[in-house]
């Protein structure tokens, strides 16, 4: 049974057989634990996090009695969807994200998780058409995802990659300039620009 628990960079949740590198949640359960199908809701709190798929030998039944487990191709995809690193199972990465948040000028002091969640929640809810915001292509840091027609694209080390549930493919036939419709929340774009380095799927390096 293919469960509806794979998250695309626009934050939507799909049923897809490919398994991602990271798991996450949105603060609670919004599926039926008996049918393992989603209800109408798509989150339970403004804390959207990106977690490891294995931690301290814990074992879970996916979409059982607990919170709704979500899966991402990689951390780049999770950040685009509006999730941040988990302070429990990914503490090193969460602290690096926190430090980059401060360097980006998003907080006068080292931010707390709740403060970052409030900013990201507001950006996810800001009513943008198709959940995008315009930015100059040339100004985008590596890891900031954007739409081009029906495709989701991202820059990585001088290359342009097309996202998919199974991985990335390099795009050679497309030349971009000017404004693009960015999916990654504005605060996260600034965090990436301030030096946070997310984990990429292996296909991004081939």
C-alpha atoms as a PDB file:
ATOM      1  CA  UNK A   1       0.000   0.000   0.000  1.00  0.00           C
ATOM      2  CA  UNK A   2       1.428   3.348  -1.065  1.00  0.00           C
ATOM      3  CA  UNK A   3       0.629   5.855   1.666  1.00  0.00           C
ATOM      4  CA  UNK A   4       0.000   9.548   1.089  1.00  0.00           C
ATOM      5  CA  UNK A   5       3.006  10.789   3.044  1.00  0.00           C
ATOM      6  CA  UNK A   6       5.591  12.077   0.544  1.00  0.00           C
ATOM      7  CA  UNK A   7       6.092  15.849   0.600  1.00  0.00           C
ATOM      8  CA  UNK A   8       6.912  17.871  -2.515  1.00  0.00           C
ATOM      9  CA  UNK A   9       8.806  21.188  -2.351  1.00  0.00           C
ATOM     10  CA  UNK A  10       5.552  23.166  -2.489  1.00  0.00           C
ATOM     11  CA  UNK A  11       4.461  21.537   0.795  1.00  0.00           C
ATOM     12  CA  UNK A  12       1.786  19.312  -0.736  1.00  0.00           C
ATOM     13  CA  UNK A  13       1.528  15.683   0.413  1.00  0.00           C
ATOM     14  CA  UNK A  14       1.410  12.912  -2.195  1.00  0.00           C
ATOM     15  CA  UNK A  15       1.255   9.146  -2.508  1.00  0.00           C
ATOM     16  CA  UNK A  16       4.457   7.970  -4.169  1.00  0.00           C
ATOM     17  CA  UNK A  17       6.350   4.665  -3.832  1.00  0.00           C
ATOM     18  CA  UNK A  18       9.807   6.248  -3.711  1.00  0.00           C
ATOM     19  CA  UNK A  19      11.228   6.588  -0.195  1.00  0.00           C
ATOM     20  CA  UNK A  20      13.078   9.728   0.823  1.00  0.00           C
ATOM     21  CA  UNK A  21      16.178  10.399   2.931  1.00  0.00           C
ATOM     22  CA  UNK A  22      14.395  12.255   5.735  1.00  0.00           C
ATOM     23  CA  UNK A  23      11.254  11.966   7.814  1.00  0.00           C
ATOM     24  CA  UNK A  24       9.358  14.808   9.468  1.00  0.00           C
ATOM     25  CA  UNK A  25       6.105  15.883  11.023  1.00  0.00           C
ATOM     26  CA  UNK A  26       3.813  18.865  11.440  1.00  0.00           C
ATOM     27  CA  UNK A  27       3.088  18.673  15.128  1.00  0.00           C
ATOM     28  CA  UNK A  28       0.641  15.818  15.492  1.00  0.00           C
ATOM     29  CA  UNK A  29      -1.664  13.364  13.745  1.00  0.00           C
ATOM     30  CA  UNK A  30      -3.884  14.330  10.855  1.00  0.00           C
ATOM     31  CA  UNK A  31      -4.498  10.863   9.441  1.00  0.00           C
ATOM     32  CA  UNK A  32      -6.933   8.106  10.350  1.00  0.00           C
ATOM     33  CA  UNK A  33      -4.845   5.461  12.176  1.00  0.00           C
ATOM     34  CA  UNK A  34      -7.184   2.683  11.050  1.00  0.00           C
ATOM     35  CA  UNK A  35      -7.342   3.435   7.319  1.00  0.00           C
ATOM     36  CA  UNK A  36      -3.939   5.215   7.292  1.00  0.00           C
ATOM     37  CA  UNK A  37      -5.452   7.887   5.071  1.00  0.00           C
ATOM     38  CA  UNK A  38      -5.169  11.652   5.477  1.00  0.00           C
ATOM     39  CA  UNK A  39      -8.016  13.701   6.833  1.00  0.00           C
ATOM     40  CA  UNK A  40      -8.669  17.225   5.514  1.00  0.00           C
ATOM     41  CA  UNK A  41      -6.043  18.871   7.704  1.00  0.00           C
ATOM     42  CA  UNK A  42      -2.425  19.063   6.599  1.00  0.00           C
ATOM     43  CA  UNK A  43      -0.830  20.065   9.909  1.00  0.00           C
ATOM     44  CA  UNK A  44      -1.503  20.208  13.655  1.00  0.00           C
ATOM     45  CA  UNK A  45       0.874  22.944  14.792  1.00  0.00           C
ATOM     46  CA  UNK A  46       3.210  25.518  13.330  1.00  0.00           C
ATOM     47  CA  UNK A  47       6.244  23.396  14.257  1.00  0.00           C
ATOM     48  CA  UNK A  48       7.126  21.702  10.964  1.00  0.00           C
ATOM     49  CA  UNK A  49      10.333  19.719  11.385  1.00  0.00           C
ATOM     50  CA  UNK A  50      12.721  17.556   9.376  1.00  0.00           C
ATOM     51  CA  UNK A  51      14.049  14.473  11.174  1.00  0.00           C
ATOM     52  CA  UNK A  52      16.299  11.485  10.697  1.00  0.00           C
ATOM     53  CA  UNK A  53      14.615   8.271   9.590  1.00  0.00           C
ATOM     54  CA  UNK A  54      16.438   6.343  12.355  1.00  0.00           C
ATOM     55  CA  UNK A  55      17.098   7.589  15.902  1.00  0.00           C
ATOM     56  CA  UNK A  56      18.032   5.751  19.121  1.00  0.00           C
ATOM     57  CA  UNK A  57      16.738   2.397  17.877  1.00  0.00           C
ATOM     58  CA  UNK A  58      13.156   3.645  17.993  1.00  0.00           C
ATOM     59  CA  UNK A  59      10.590   1.855  15.826  1.00  0.00           C
ATOM     60  CA  UNK A  60       7.234   3.178  14.633  1.00  0.00           C
ATOM     61  CA  UNK A  61       4.307   1.988  12.603  1.00  0.00           C
ATOM     62  CA  UNK A  62       4.100   4.640   9.905  1.00  0.00           C
ATOM     63  CA  UNK A  63       0.757   6.452  10.032  1.00  0.00           C
ATOM     64  CA  UNK A  64      -0.400   4.421  13.018  1.00  0.00           C
ATOM     65  CA  UNK A  65      -1.560   5.778  16.374  1.00  0.00           C
ATOM     66  CA  UNK A  66       1.132   8.462  16.648  1.00  0.00           C
ATOM     67  CA  UNK A  67       1.829  11.627  14.717  1.00  0.00           C
ATOM     68  CA  UNK A  68       1.631  11.709  10.926  1.00  0.00           C
ATOM     69  CA  UNK A  69       5.034  10.747   9.556  1.00  0.00           C
ATOM     70  CA  UNK A  70       6.033  12.584   6.393  1.00  0.00           C
ATOM     71  CA  UNK A  71       8.955  11.836   4.073  1.00  0.00           C
ATOM     72  CA  UNK A  72      11.186  14.046   1.930  1.00  0.00           C
ATOM     73  CA  UNK A  73      13.579  13.318  -0.910  1.00  0.00           C
ATOM     74  CA  UNK A  74      16.258  15.262   0.990  1.00  0.00           C
ATOM     75  CA  UNK A  75      16.687  18.200   3.339  1.00  0.00           C
ATOM     76  CA  UNK A  76      16.650  20.680   0.443  1.00  0.00           C
ATOM     77  CA  UNK A  77      13.121  19.509  -0.367  1.00  0.00           C
ATOM     78  CA  UNK A  78      12.048  19.693   3.290  1.00  0.00           C
ATOM     79  CA  UNK A  79      13.324  23.265   3.647  1.00  0.00           C
ATOM     80  CA  UNK A  80      11.463  24.303   0.500  1.00  0.00           C
ATOM     81  CA  UNK A  81       8.266  22.822   1.949  1.00  0.00           C
ATOM     82  CA  UNK A  82       8.707  24.975   5.070  1.00  0.00           C
ATOM     83  CA  UNK A  83      10.237  22.474   7.507  1.00  0.00           C
ATOM     84  CA  UNK A  84      13.317  23.122   9.665  1.00  0.00           C
ATOM     85  CA  UNK A  85      15.853  20.708  11.254  1.00  0.00           C
ATOM     86  CA  UNK A  86      14.706  18.914  14.414  1.00  0.00           C
ATOM     87  CA  UNK A  87      16.446  19.935  17.652  1.00  0.00           C
ATOM     88  CA  UNK A  88      16.140  16.419  19.089  1.00  0.00           C
ATOM     89  CA  UNK A  89      17.360  13.984  16.447  1.00  0.00           C
ATOM     90  CA  UNK A  90      19.329  16.488  14.317  1.00  0.00           C
ATOM     91  CA  UNK A  91      20.714  18.798  16.987  1.00  0.00           C
ATOM     92  CA  UNK A  92      23.963  19.636  15.173  1.00  0.00           C
ATOM     93  CA  UNK A  93      22.108  20.639  12.016  1.00  0.00           C
ATOM     94  CA  UNK A  94      19.431  22.495  13.990  1.00  0.00           C
ATOM     95  CA  UNK A  95      22.068  24.569  15.758  1.00  0.00           C
ATOM     96  CA  UNK A  96      23.790  25.325  12.459  1.00  0.00           C
ATOM     97  CA  UNK A  97      20.415  26.433  11.029  1.00  0.00           C
ATOM     98  CA  UNK A  98      19.806  28.536  14.141  1.00  0.00           C
ATOM     99  CA  UNK A  99      23.209  30.225  13.831  1.00  0.00           C
ATOM    100  CA  UNK A 100      22.668  30.959  10.124  1.00  0.00           C
ATOM    101  CA  UNK A 101      19.248  32.411  10.998  1.00  0.00           C
ATOM    102  CA  UNK A 102      20.959  34.868  13.342  1.00  0.00           C
ATOM    103  CA  UNK A 103      23.719  35.680  10.802  1.00  0.00           C
ATOM    104  CA  UNK A 104      21.022  36.409   8.218  1.00  0.00           C
ATOM    105  CA  UNK A 105      19.629  39.118  10.497  1.00  0.00           C
ATOM    106  CA  UNK A 106      16.316  37.370  11.013  1.00  0.00           C
ATOM    107  CA  UNK A 107      16.655  37.676  14.791  1.00  0.00           C
ATOM    108  CA  UNK A 108      18.623  40.129  16.974  1.00  0.00           C
ATOM    109  CA  UNK A 109      19.740  37.228  19.161  1.00  0.00           C
ATOM    110  CA  UNK A 110      20.105  33.481  18.760  1.00  0.00           C
ATOM    111  CA  UNK A 111      16.520  32.451  17.909  1.00  0.00           C
ATOM    112  CA  UNK A 112      14.480  29.847  19.736  1.00  0.00           C
ATOM    113  CA  UNK A 113      12.663  27.113  17.863  1.00  0.00           C
ATOM    114  CA  UNK A 114       9.281  28.699  18.574  1.00  0.00           C
ATOM    115  CA  UNK A 115      10.393  32.033  17.167  1.00  0.00           C
ATOM    116  CA  UNK A 116      11.608  30.461  13.942  1.00  0.00           C
ATOM    117  CA  UNK A 117       8.411  28.415  13.701  1.00  0.00           C
ATOM    118  CA  UNK A 118       6.319  31.590  14.006  1.00  0.00           C
ATOM    119  CA  UNK A 119       8.166  33.231  11.104  1.00  0.00           C
ATOM    120  CA  UNK A 120       7.956  30.145   8.891  1.00  0.00           C
ATOM    121  CA  UNK A 121       4.278  29.651   9.727  1.00  0.00           C
ATOM    122  CA  UNK A 122       3.514  33.237   8.695  1.00  0.00           C
ATOM    123  CA  UNK A 123       5.409  32.783   5.434  1.00  0.00           C
ATOM    124  CA  UNK A 124       3.580  29.554   4.653  1.00  0.00           C
ATOM    125  CA  UNK A 125       0.227  31.246   5.268  1.00  0.00           C
ATOM    126  CA  UNK A 126       0.850  34.582   3.566  1.00  0.00           C
ATOM    127  CA  UNK A 127      -1.591  33.934   0.722  1.00  0.00           C
ATOM    128  CA  UNK A 128       0.931  33.878  -2.119  1.00  0.00           C
ATOM    129  CA  UNK A 129      -0.455  32.515  -5.366  1.00  0.00           C
ATOM    130  CA  UNK A 130       0.719  28.899  -5.706  1.00  0.00           C
ATOM    131  CA  UNK A 131       2.843  29.443  -2.566  1.00  0.00           C
ATOM    132  CA  UNK A 132       5.652  31.285  -4.351  1.00  0.00           C
ATOM    133  CA  UNK A 133       7.459  34.590  -3.978  1.00  0.00           C
ATOM    134  CA  UNK A 134       9.435  36.343  -6.737  1.00  0.00           C
ATOM    135  CA  UNK A 135      13.222  36.682  -6.555  1.00  0.00           C
ATOM    136  CA  UNK A 136      15.992  37.364  -9.031  1.00  0.00           C
ATOM    137  CA  UNK A 137      17.387  34.090 -10.341  1.00  0.00           C
ATOM    138  CA  UNK A 138      20.930  35.404 -10.109  1.00  0.00           C
ATOM    139  CA  UNK A 139      20.481  36.182  -6.393  1.00  0.00           C
ATOM    140  CA  UNK A 140      19.249  32.730  -5.404  1.00  0.00           C
ATOM    141  CA  UNK A 141      21.611  30.701  -3.190  1.00  0.00           C
ATOM    142  CA  UNK A 142      22.186  27.017  -3.841  1.00  0.00           C
ATOM    143  CA  UNK A 143      19.325  24.992  -2.385  1.00  0.00           C
ATOM    144  CA  UNK A 144      16.550  27.554  -2.908  1.00  0.00           C
ATOM    145  CA  UNK A 145      13.881  25.865  -5.034  1.00  0.00           C
ATOM    146  CA  UNK A 146      11.708  27.605  -7.612  1.00  0.00           C
ATOM    147  CA  UNK A 147       9.064  26.854 -10.211  1.00  0.00           C
ATOM    148  CA  UNK A 148       9.580  27.034 -13.956  1.00  0.00           C
ATOM    149  CA  UNK A 149       6.368  26.027 -15.691  1.00  0.00           C
ATOM    150  CA  UNK A 150       5.436  22.622 -14.271  1.00  0.00           C
ATOM    151  CA  UNK A 151       8.980  21.909 -13.088  1.00  0.00           C
ATOM    152  CA  UNK A 152      10.642  22.509  -9.730  1.00  0.00           C
ATOM    153  CA  UNK A 153      14.247  23.577 -10.214  1.00  0.00           C
ATOM    154  CA  UNK A 154      17.197  24.359  -7.957  1.00  0.00           C
ATOM    155  CA  UNK A 155      20.787  25.562  -8.323  1.00  0.00           C
ATOM    156  CA  UNK A 156      23.630  23.390  -7.090  1.00  0.00           C
ATOM    157  CA  UNK A 157      27.319  24.213  -7.557  1.00  0.00           C
ATOM    158  CA  UNK A 158      26.820  26.013 -10.842  1.00  0.00           C
ATOM    159  CA  UNK A 159      24.352  23.466 -12.239  1.00  0.00           C
ATOM    160  CA  UNK A 160      20.602  23.647 -12.649  1.00  0.00           C
ATOM    161  CA  UNK A 161      18.714  20.587 -11.408  1.00  0.00           C
ATOM    162  CA  UNK A 162      15.125  19.410 -11.909  1.00  0.00           C
ATOM    163  CA  UNK A 163      13.512  17.909  -8.787  1.00  0.00           C
ATOM    164  CA  UNK A 164      11.480  14.676  -8.715  1.00  0.00           C
ATOM    165  CA  UNK A 165      10.383  12.180  -6.049  1.00  0.00           C
ATOM    166  CA  UNK A 166      13.084   9.783  -7.276  1.00  0.00           C
ATOM    167  CA  UNK A 167      15.857  12.379  -7.371  1.00  0.00           C
ATOM    168  CA  UNK A 168      17.370  15.179  -9.459  1.00  0.00           C
ATOM    169  CA  UNK A 169      18.299  15.456 -13.110  1.00  0.00           C
ATOM    170  CA  UNK A 170      20.531  18.138 -14.554  1.00  0.00           C
ATOM    171  CA  UNK A 171      18.857  20.624 -16.899  1.00  0.00           C
ATOM    172  CA  UNK A 172      21.062  21.736 -19.761  1.00  0.00           C
ATOM    173  CA  UNK A 173      18.553  23.059 -22.263  1.00  0.00           C
ATOM    174  CA  UNK A 174      17.194  25.905 -20.116  1.00  0.00           C
ATOM    175  CA  UNK A 175      18.687  29.359 -19.647  1.00  0.00           C
ATOM    176  CA  UNK A 176      17.180  31.515 -16.913  1.00  0.00           C
ATOM    177  CA  UNK A 177      17.520  35.138 -15.868  1.00  0.00           C
ATOM    178  CA  UNK A 178      15.392  37.787 -14.209  1.00  0.00           C
ATOM    179  CA  UNK A 179      12.621  36.969 -11.722  1.00  0.00           C
ATOM    180  CA  UNK A 180      11.623  33.416 -10.804  1.00  0.00           C
ATOM    181  CA  UNK A 181       8.851  32.043  -8.560  1.00  0.00           C
ATOM    182  CA  UNK A 182      10.606  30.746  -5.459  1.00  0.00           C
ATOM    183  CA  UNK A 183       9.048  27.997  -3.330  1.00  0.00           C
ATOM    184  CA  UNK A 184      11.562  27.989  -0.477  1.00  0.00           C
ATOM    185  CA  UNK A 185      10.272  30.402   2.212  1.00  0.00           C
ATOM    186  CA  UNK A 186      11.990  33.819   2.233  1.00  0.00           C
ATOM    187  CA  UNK A 187      13.504  33.284   5.696  1.00  0.00           C
ATOM    188  CA  UNK A 188      14.996  29.946   4.619  1.00  0.00           C
ATOM    189  CA  UNK A 189      16.423  31.529   1.457  1.00  0.00           C
ATOM    190  CA  UNK A 190      18.224  33.996   3.712  1.00  0.00           C
ATOM    191  CA  UNK A 191      19.427  31.183   5.971  1.00  0.00           C
ATOM    192  CA  UNK A 192      20.855  29.388   2.933  1.00  0.00           C
ATOM    193  CA  UNK A 193      22.471  32.621   1.827  1.00  0.00           C
ATOM    194  CA  UNK A 194      24.001  32.995   5.297  1.00  0.00           C
ATOM    195  CA  UNK A 195      25.831  29.696   4.932  1.00  0.00           C
ATOM    196  CA  UNK A 196      23.558  26.874   6.049  1.00  0.00           C
ATOM    197  CA  UNK A 197      24.389  23.765   4.025  1.00  0.00           C
ATOM    198  CA  UNK A 198      21.465  21.323   3.717  1.00  0.00           C
ATOM    199  CA  UNK A 199      21.789  17.638   2.883  1.00  0.00           C
ATOM    200  CA  UNK A 200      21.253  16.830  -0.792  1.00  0.00           C
ATOM    201  CA  UNK A 201      20.077  13.557  -2.318  1.00  0.00           C
ATOM    202  CA  UNK A 202      22.928  11.643  -3.940  1.00  0.00           C
ATOM    203  CA  UNK A 203      21.463  12.263  -7.403  1.00  0.00           C
ATOM    204  CA  UNK A 204      22.344  15.953  -7.033  1.00  0.00           C
ATOM    205  CA  UNK A 205      26.031  15.055  -7.198  1.00  0.00           C
ATOM    206  CA  UNK A 206      25.982  12.768 -10.251  1.00  0.00           C
END
